[in-house]
Amino acid sequence: MEQLNRYPAEFACLLLEQALAGGYKTVVFASTPDDFRRWNEQRGRKTVAVDKTKLNETWNVPTAPKP
């Protein structure tokens, strides 16, 4: 999951879907940064940081309670 934190939730979900569909044990590959740049260019967006809250909610990752 740490490597997925580098990417927006939408792209991270695509990576997870591809890994599950292909039966891969890993999600991020050496080509992933280039894949992300192409994906991002196709959508006309700037490179953005991942919203960890949105990613955690999408995949039901438990988060530490706020003090």
PDB file of N, CA and C in Angstrom:
ATOM      1  N   MET A   1       0.815  -1.199   0.000  1.00  0.00           N
ATOM      2  CA  MET A   1       0.000   0.000   0.000  1.00  0.00           C
ATOM      3  C   MET A   1       0.858   1.262   0.000  1.00  0.00           C
ATOM      4  N   GLU A   2       2.053   1.180   0.575  1.00  0.00           N
ATOM      5  CA  GLU A   2       2.901   2.367   0.626  1.00  0.00           C
ATOM      6  C   GLU A   2       3.219   2.887  -0.762  1.00  0.00           C
ATOM      7  N   GLN A   3       3.487   2.000  -1.700  1.00  0.00           N
ATOM      8  CA  GLN A   3       3.800   2.427  -3.058  1.00  0.00           C
ATOM      9  C   GLN A   3       2.593   3.046  -3.746  1.00  0.00           C
ATOM     10  N   LEU A   4       1.400   2.606  -3.392  1.00  0.00           N
ATOM     11  CA  LEU A   4       0.188   3.170  -3.985  1.00  0.00           C
ATOM     12  C   LEU A   4      -0.073   4.586  -3.492  1.00  0.00           C
ATOM     13  N   ASN A   5       0.461   4.929  -2.333  1.00  0.00           N
ATOM     14  CA  ASN A   5       0.252   6.264  -1.781  1.00  0.00           C
ATOM     15  C   ASN A   5       0.832   7.361  -2.655  1.00  0.00           C
ATOM     16  N   ARG A   6       1.693   7.004  -3.583  1.00  0.00           N
ATOM     17  CA  ARG A   6       2.297   7.986  -4.489  1.00  0.00           C
ATOM     18  C   ARG A   6       1.336   8.449  -5.575  1.00  0.00           C
ATOM     19  N   TYR A   7       0.241   7.729  -5.734  1.00  0.00           N
ATOM     20  CA  TYR A   7      -0.659   7.973  -6.856  1.00  0.00           C
ATOM     21  C   TYR A   7      -2.059   8.350  -6.382  1.00  0.00           C
ATOM     22  N   PRO A   8      -2.800   9.087  -7.230  1.00  0.00           N
ATOM     23  CA  PRO A   8      -4.192   9.420  -6.891  1.00  0.00           C
ATOM     24  C   PRO A   8      -5.020   8.137  -6.744  1.00  0.00           C
ATOM     25  N   ALA A   9      -6.043   8.220  -5.947  1.00  0.00           N
ATOM     26  CA  ALA A   9      -6.889   7.060  -5.652  1.00  0.00           C
ATOM     27  C   ALA A   9      -7.433   6.416  -6.919  1.00  0.00           C
ATOM     28  N   GLU A  10      -7.844   7.205  -7.881  1.00  0.00           N
ATOM     29  CA  GLU A  10      -8.423   6.662  -9.115  1.00  0.00           C
ATOM     30  C   GLU A  10      -7.407   5.779  -9.853  1.00  0.00           C
ATOM     31  N   PHE A  11      -6.171   6.245  -9.944  1.00  0.00           N
ATOM     32  CA  PHE A  11      -5.131   5.463 -10.619  1.00  0.00           C
ATOM     33  C   PHE A  11      -4.746   4.255  -9.776  1.00  0.00           C
ATOM     34  N   ALA A  12      -4.652   4.428  -8.475  1.00  0.00           N
ATOM     35  CA  ALA A  12      -4.313   3.316  -7.579  1.00  0.00           C
ATOM     36  C   ALA A  12      -5.358   2.204  -7.693  1.00  0.00           C
ATOM     37  N   CYS A  13      -6.611   2.572  -7.798  1.00  0.00           N
ATOM     38  CA  CYS A  13      -7.674   1.570  -7.955  1.00  0.00           C
ATOM     39  C   CYS A  13      -7.517   0.815  -9.267  1.00  0.00           C
ATOM     40  N   LEU A  14      -7.128   1.520 -10.328  1.00  0.00           N
ATOM     41  CA  LEU A  14      -6.885   0.841 -11.604  1.00  0.00           C
ATOM     42  C   LEU A  14      -5.746  -0.174 -11.475  1.00  0.00           C
ATOM     43  N   LEU A  15      -4.686   0.227 -10.764  1.00  0.00           N
ATOM     44  CA  LEU A  15      -3.569  -0.696 -10.555  1.00  0.00           C
ATOM     45  C   LEU A  15      -4.017  -1.935  -9.794  1.00  0.00           C
ATOM     46  N   LEU A  16      -4.826  -1.734  -8.764  1.00  0.00           N
ATOM     47  CA  LEU A  16      -5.318  -2.865  -7.974  1.00  0.00           C
ATOM     48  C   LEU A  16      -6.211  -3.775  -8.805  1.00  0.00           C
ATOM     49  N   GLU A  17      -7.076  -3.184  -9.611  1.00  0.00           N
ATOM     50  CA  GLU A  17      -7.961  -3.979 -10.464  1.00  0.00           C
ATOM     51  C   GLU A  17      -7.155  -4.819 -11.448  1.00  0.00           C
ATOM     52  N   GLN A  18      -6.118  -4.201 -12.044  1.00  0.00           N
ATOM     53  CA  GLN A  18      -5.277  -4.929 -13.001  1.00  0.00           C
ATOM     54  C   GLN A  18      -4.534  -6.071 -12.317  1.00  0.00           C
ATOM     55  N   ALA A  19      -4.026  -5.812 -11.122  1.00  0.00           N
ATOM     56  CA  ALA A  19      -3.288  -6.847 -10.394  1.00  0.00           C
ATOM     57  C   ALA A  19      -4.204  -8.020 -10.035  1.00  0.00           C
ATOM     58  N   LEU A  20      -5.402  -7.713  -9.575  1.00  0.00           N
ATOM     59  CA  LEU A  20      -6.351  -8.772  -9.222  1.00  0.00           C
ATOM     60  C   LEU A  20      -6.769  -9.571 -10.451  1.00  0.00           C
ATOM     61  N   ALA A  21      -7.060  -8.876 -11.535  1.00  0.00           N
ATOM     62  CA  ALA A  21      -7.497  -9.550 -12.761  1.00  0.00           C
ATOM     63  C   ALA A  21      -6.392 -10.430 -13.340  1.00  0.00           C
ATOM     64  N   GLY A  22      -5.144 -10.002 -13.181  1.00  0.00           N
ATOM     65  CA  GLY A  22      -4.032 -10.750 -13.739  1.00  0.00           C
ATOM     66  C   GLY A  22      -3.429 -11.762 -12.781  1.00  0.00           C
ATOM     67  N   GLY A  23      -3.908 -11.774 -11.548  1.00  0.00           N
ATOM     68  CA  GLY A  23      -3.384 -12.699 -10.558  1.00  0.00           C
ATOM     69  C   GLY A  23      -1.973 -12.361 -10.100  1.00  0.00           C
ATOM     70  N   TYR A  24      -1.611 -11.082 -10.184  1.00  0.00           N
ATOM     71  CA  TYR A  24      -0.268 -10.658  -9.792  1.00  0.00           C
ATOM     72  C   TYR A  24      -0.152 -10.541  -8.280  1.00  0.00           C
ATOM     73  N   LYS A  25       1.040 -10.775  -7.765  1.00  0.00           N
ATOM     74  CA  LYS A  25       1.290 -10.633  -6.332  1.00  0.00           C
ATOM     75  C   LYS A  25       1.758  -9.227  -5.985  1.00  0.00           C
ATOM     76  N   THR A  26       2.077  -8.431  -6.989  1.00  0.00           N
ATOM     77  CA  THR A  26       2.504  -7.055  -6.770  1.00  0.00           C
ATOM     78  C   THR A  26       1.606  -6.134  -7.581  1.00  0.00           C
ATOM     79  N   VAL A  27       1.593  -4.881  -7.198  1.00  0.00           N
ATOM     80  CA  VAL A  27       0.706  -3.920  -7.846  1.00  0.00           C
ATOM     81  C   VAL A  27       1.498  -2.871  -8.609  1.00  0.00           C
ATOM     82  N   VAL A  28       2.615  -2.444  -8.058  1.00  0.00           N
ATOM     83  CA  VAL A  28       3.428  -1.394  -8.653  1.00  0.00           C
ATOM     84  C   VAL A  28       4.668  -2.029  -9.281  1.00  0.00           C
ATOM     85  N   PHE A  29       4.909  -1.686 -10.544  1.00  0.00           N
ATOM     86  CA  PHE A  29       6.034  -2.221 -11.295  1.00  0.00           C
ATOM     87  C   PHE A  29       6.974  -1.083 -11.694  1.00  0.00           C
ATOM     88  N   ALA A  30       8.119  -1.421 -12.264  1.00  0.00           N
ATOM     89  CA  ALA A  30       9.080  -0.409 -12.710  1.00  0.00           C
ATOM     90  C   ALA A  30       8.457   0.524 -13.749  1.00  0.00           C
ATOM     91  N   SER A  31       7.513   0.029 -14.523  1.00  0.00           N
ATOM     92  CA  SER A  31       6.869   0.837 -15.564  1.00  0.00           C
ATOM     93  C   SER A  31       5.735   1.713 -15.042  1.00  0.00           C
ATOM     94  N   THR A  32       5.362   1.542 -13.787  1.00  0.00           N
ATOM     95  CA  THR A  32       4.201   2.263 -13.249  1.00  0.00           C
ATOM     96  C   THR A  32       4.335   3.783 -13.316  1.00  0.00           C
ATOM     97  N   PRO A  33       5.486   4.379 -12.986  1.00  0.00           N
ATOM     98  CA  PRO A  33       5.576   5.848 -13.110  1.00  0.00           C
ATOM     99  C   PRO A  33       5.292   6.339 -14.536  1.00  0.00           C
ATOM    100  N   ASP A  34       5.799   5.609 -15.537  1.00  0.00           N
ATOM    101  CA  ASP A  34       5.521   5.995 -16.925  1.00  0.00           C
ATOM    102  C   ASP A  34       4.053   5.783 -17.267  1.00  0.00           C
ATOM    103  N   ASP A  35       3.481   4.691 -16.785  1.00  0.00           N
ATOM    104  CA  ASP A  35       2.053   4.436 -17.000  1.00  0.00           C
ATOM    105  C   ASP A  35       1.221   5.555 -16.385  1.00  0.00           C
ATOM    106  N   PHE A  36       1.627   6.008 -15.197  1.00  0.00           N
ATOM    107  CA  PHE A  36       0.894   7.085 -14.530  1.00  0.00           C
ATOM    108  C   PHE A  36       0.988   8.384 -15.329  1.00  0.00           C
ATOM    109  N   ARG A  37       2.181   8.704 -15.828  1.00  0.00           N
ATOM    110  CA  ARG A  37       2.324   9.936 -16.621  1.00  0.00           C
ATOM    111  C   ARG A  37       1.421   9.892 -17.851  1.00  0.00           C
ATOM    112  N   ARG A  38       1.382   8.757 -18.537  1.00  0.00           N
ATOM    113  CA  ARG A  38       0.507   8.631 -19.710  1.00  0.00           C
ATOM    114  C   ARG A  38      -0.964   8.741 -19.316  1.00  0.00           C
ATOM    115  N   TRP A  39      -1.336   8.055 -18.245  1.00  0.00           N
ATOM    116  CA  TRP A  39      -2.724   8.099 -17.755  1.00  0.00           C
ATOM    117  C   TRP A  39      -3.109   9.537 -17.407  1.00  0.00           C
ATOM    118  N   ASN A  40      -2.192  10.219 -16.746  1.00  0.00           N
ATOM    119  CA  ASN A  40      -2.437  11.596 -16.325  1.00  0.00           C
ATOM    120  C   ASN A  40      -2.550  12.534 -17.524  1.00  0.00           C
ATOM    121  N   GLU A  41      -1.697  12.370 -18.512  1.00  0.00           N
ATOM    122  CA  GLU A  41      -1.726  13.207 -19.716  1.00  0.00           C
ATOM    123  C   GLU A  41      -3.023  13.006 -20.489  1.00  0.00           C
ATOM    124  N   GLN A  42      -3.503  11.786 -20.533  1.00  0.00           N
ATOM    125  CA  GLN A  42      -4.752  11.497 -21.242  1.00  0.00           C
ATOM    126  C   GLN A  42      -5.923  12.235 -20.609  1.00  0.00           C
ATOM    127  N   ARG A  43      -5.822  12.503 -19.343  1.00  0.00           N
ATOM    128  CA  ARG A  43      -6.894  13.189 -18.632  1.00  0.00           C
ATOM    129  C   ARG A  43      -6.637  14.682 -18.495  1.00  0.00           C
ATOM    130  N   GLY A  44      -5.481  15.142 -18.961  1.00  0.00           N
ATOM    131  CA  GLY A  44      -5.169  16.562 -18.933  1.00  0.00           C
ATOM    132  C   GLY A  44      -5.008  17.117 -17.539  1.00  0.00           C
ATOM    133  N   ARG A  45      -4.528  16.291 -16.626  1.00  0.00           N
ATOM    134  CA  ARG A  45      -4.379  16.726 -15.240  1.00  0.00           C
ATOM    135  C   ARG A  45      -2.912  16.918 -14.897  1.00  0.00           C
ATOM    136  N   LYS A  46      -2.682  17.713 -13.889  1.00  0.00           N
ATOM    137  CA  LYS A  46      -1.349  17.825 -13.327  1.00  0.00           C
ATOM    138  C   LYS A  46      -1.137  16.651 -12.381  1.00  0.00           C
ATOM    139  N   THR A  47       0.127  16.329 -12.135  1.00  0.00           N
ATOM    140  CA  THR A  47       0.432  15.285 -11.167  1.00  0.00           C
ATOM    141  C   THR A  47       0.010  15.783  -9.791  1.00  0.00           C
ATOM    142  N   VAL A  48      -0.752  14.979  -9.095  1.00  0.00           N
ATOM    143  CA  VAL A  48      -1.260  15.381  -7.783  1.00  0.00           C
ATOM    144  C   VAL A  48      -0.913  14.333  -6.742  1.00  0.00           C
ATOM    145  N   ALA A  49      -0.927  14.753  -5.510  1.00  0.00           N
ATOM    146  CA  ALA A  49      -0.687  13.818  -4.409  1.00  0.00           C
ATOM    147  C   ALA A  49      -1.949  13.003  -4.163  1.00  0.00           C
ATOM    148  N   VAL A  50      -1.764  11.859  -3.598  1.00  0.00           N
ATOM    149  CA  VAL A  50      -2.888  10.976  -3.304  1.00  0.00           C
ATOM    150  C   VAL A  50      -3.631  11.462  -2.060  1.00  0.00           C
ATOM    151  N   ASP A  51      -4.938  11.376  -2.090  1.00  0.00           N
ATOM    152  CA  ASP A  51      -5.749  11.660  -0.915  1.00  0.00           C
ATOM    153  C   ASP A  51      -5.865  10.353  -0.143  1.00  0.00           C
ATOM    154  N   LYS A  52      -5.032  10.198   0.877  1.00  0.00           N
ATOM    155  CA  LYS A  52      -4.969   8.932   1.612  1.00  0.00           C
ATOM    156  C   LYS A  52      -6.301   8.587   2.260  1.00  0.00           C
ATOM    157  N   THR A  53      -7.044   9.587   2.689  1.00  0.00           N
ATOM    158  CA  THR A  53      -8.337   9.329   3.308  1.00  0.00           C
ATOM    159  C   THR A  53      -9.279   8.668   2.307  1.00  0.00           C
ATOM    160  N   LYS A  54      -9.313   9.206   1.100  1.00  0.00           N
ATOM    161  CA  LYS A  54     -10.191   8.653   0.069  1.00  0.00           C
ATOM    162  C   LYS A  54      -9.773   7.231  -0.292  1.00  0.00           C
ATOM    163  N   LEU A  55      -8.466   6.991  -0.411  1.00  0.00           N
ATOM    164  CA  LEU A  55      -7.971   5.653  -0.731  1.00  0.00           C
ATOM    165  C   LEU A  55      -8.325   4.673   0.382  1.00  0.00           C
ATOM    166  N   ASN A  56      -8.125   5.084   1.629  1.00  0.00           N
ATOM    167  CA  ASN A  56      -8.441   4.212   2.764  1.00  0.00           C
ATOM    168  C   ASN A  56      -9.928   3.895   2.821  1.00  0.00           C
ATOM    169  N   GLU A  57     -10.769   4.885   2.550  1.00  0.00           N
ATOM    170  CA  GLU A  57     -12.214   4.655   2.566  1.00  0.00           C
ATOM    171  C   GLU A  57     -12.617   3.709   1.438  1.00  0.00           C
ATOM    172  N   THR A  58     -11.984   3.870   0.272  1.00  0.00           N
ATOM    173  CA  THR A  58     -12.308   3.032  -0.878  1.00  0.00           C
ATOM    174  C   THR A  58     -12.022   1.572  -0.586  1.00  0.00           C
ATOM    175  N   TRP A  59     -10.905   1.300   0.079  1.00  0.00           N
ATOM    176  CA  TRP A  59     -10.485  -0.066   0.327  1.00  0.00           C
ATOM    177  C   TRP A  59     -10.727  -0.504   1.762  1.00  0.00           C
ATOM    178  N   ASN A  60     -11.519   0.275   2.506  1.00  0.00           N
ATOM    179  CA  ASN A  60     -11.890  -0.054   3.889  1.00  0.00           C
ATOM    180  C   ASN A  60     -10.676  -0.349   4.779  1.00  0.00           C
ATOM    181  N   VAL A  61      -9.666   0.475   4.645  1.00  0.00           N
ATOM    182  CA  VAL A  61      -8.468   0.335   5.458  1.00  0.00           C
ATOM    183  C   VAL A  61      -8.739   1.061   6.786  1.00  0.00           C
ATOM    184  N   PRO A  62      -8.581   0.369   7.897  1.00  0.00           N
ATOM    185  CA  PRO A  62      -8.825   1.041   9.176  1.00  0.00           C
ATOM    186  C   PRO A  62      -7.804   2.144   9.409  1.00  0.00           C
ATOM    187  N   THR A  63      -8.278   3.232   9.939  1.00  0.00           N
ATOM    188  CA  THR A  63      -7.392   4.354  10.253  1.00  0.00           C
ATOM    189  C   THR A  63      -7.372   4.562  11.745  1.00  0.00           C
ATOM    190  N   ALA A  64      -6.290   5.115  12.205  1.00  0.00           N
ATOM    191  CA  ALA A  64      -6.168   5.389  13.647  1.00  0.00           C
ATOM    192  C   ALA A  64      -7.137   6.491  14.028  1.00  0.00           C
ATOM    193  N   PRO A  65      -7.810   6.357  15.157  1.00  0.00           N
ATOM    194  CA  PRO A  65      -8.733   7.405  15.605  1.00  0.00           C
ATOM    195  C   PRO A  65      -7.968   8.679  15.922  1.00  0.00           C
ATOM    196  N   LYS A  66      -8.598   9.794  15.634  1.00  0.00           N
ATOM    197  CA  LYS A  66      -7.975  11.088  15.940  1.00  0.00           C
ATOM    198  C   LYS A  66      -8.064  11.348  17.441  1.00  0.00           C
ATOM    199  N   PRO A  67      -6.962  11.857  18.026  1.00  0.00           N
ATOM    200  CA  PRO A  67      -6.980  12.113  19.483  1.00  0.00           C
ATOM    201  C   PRO A  67      -7.873  13.255  19.862  1.00  0.00           C
TER     202      PRO A  67
END
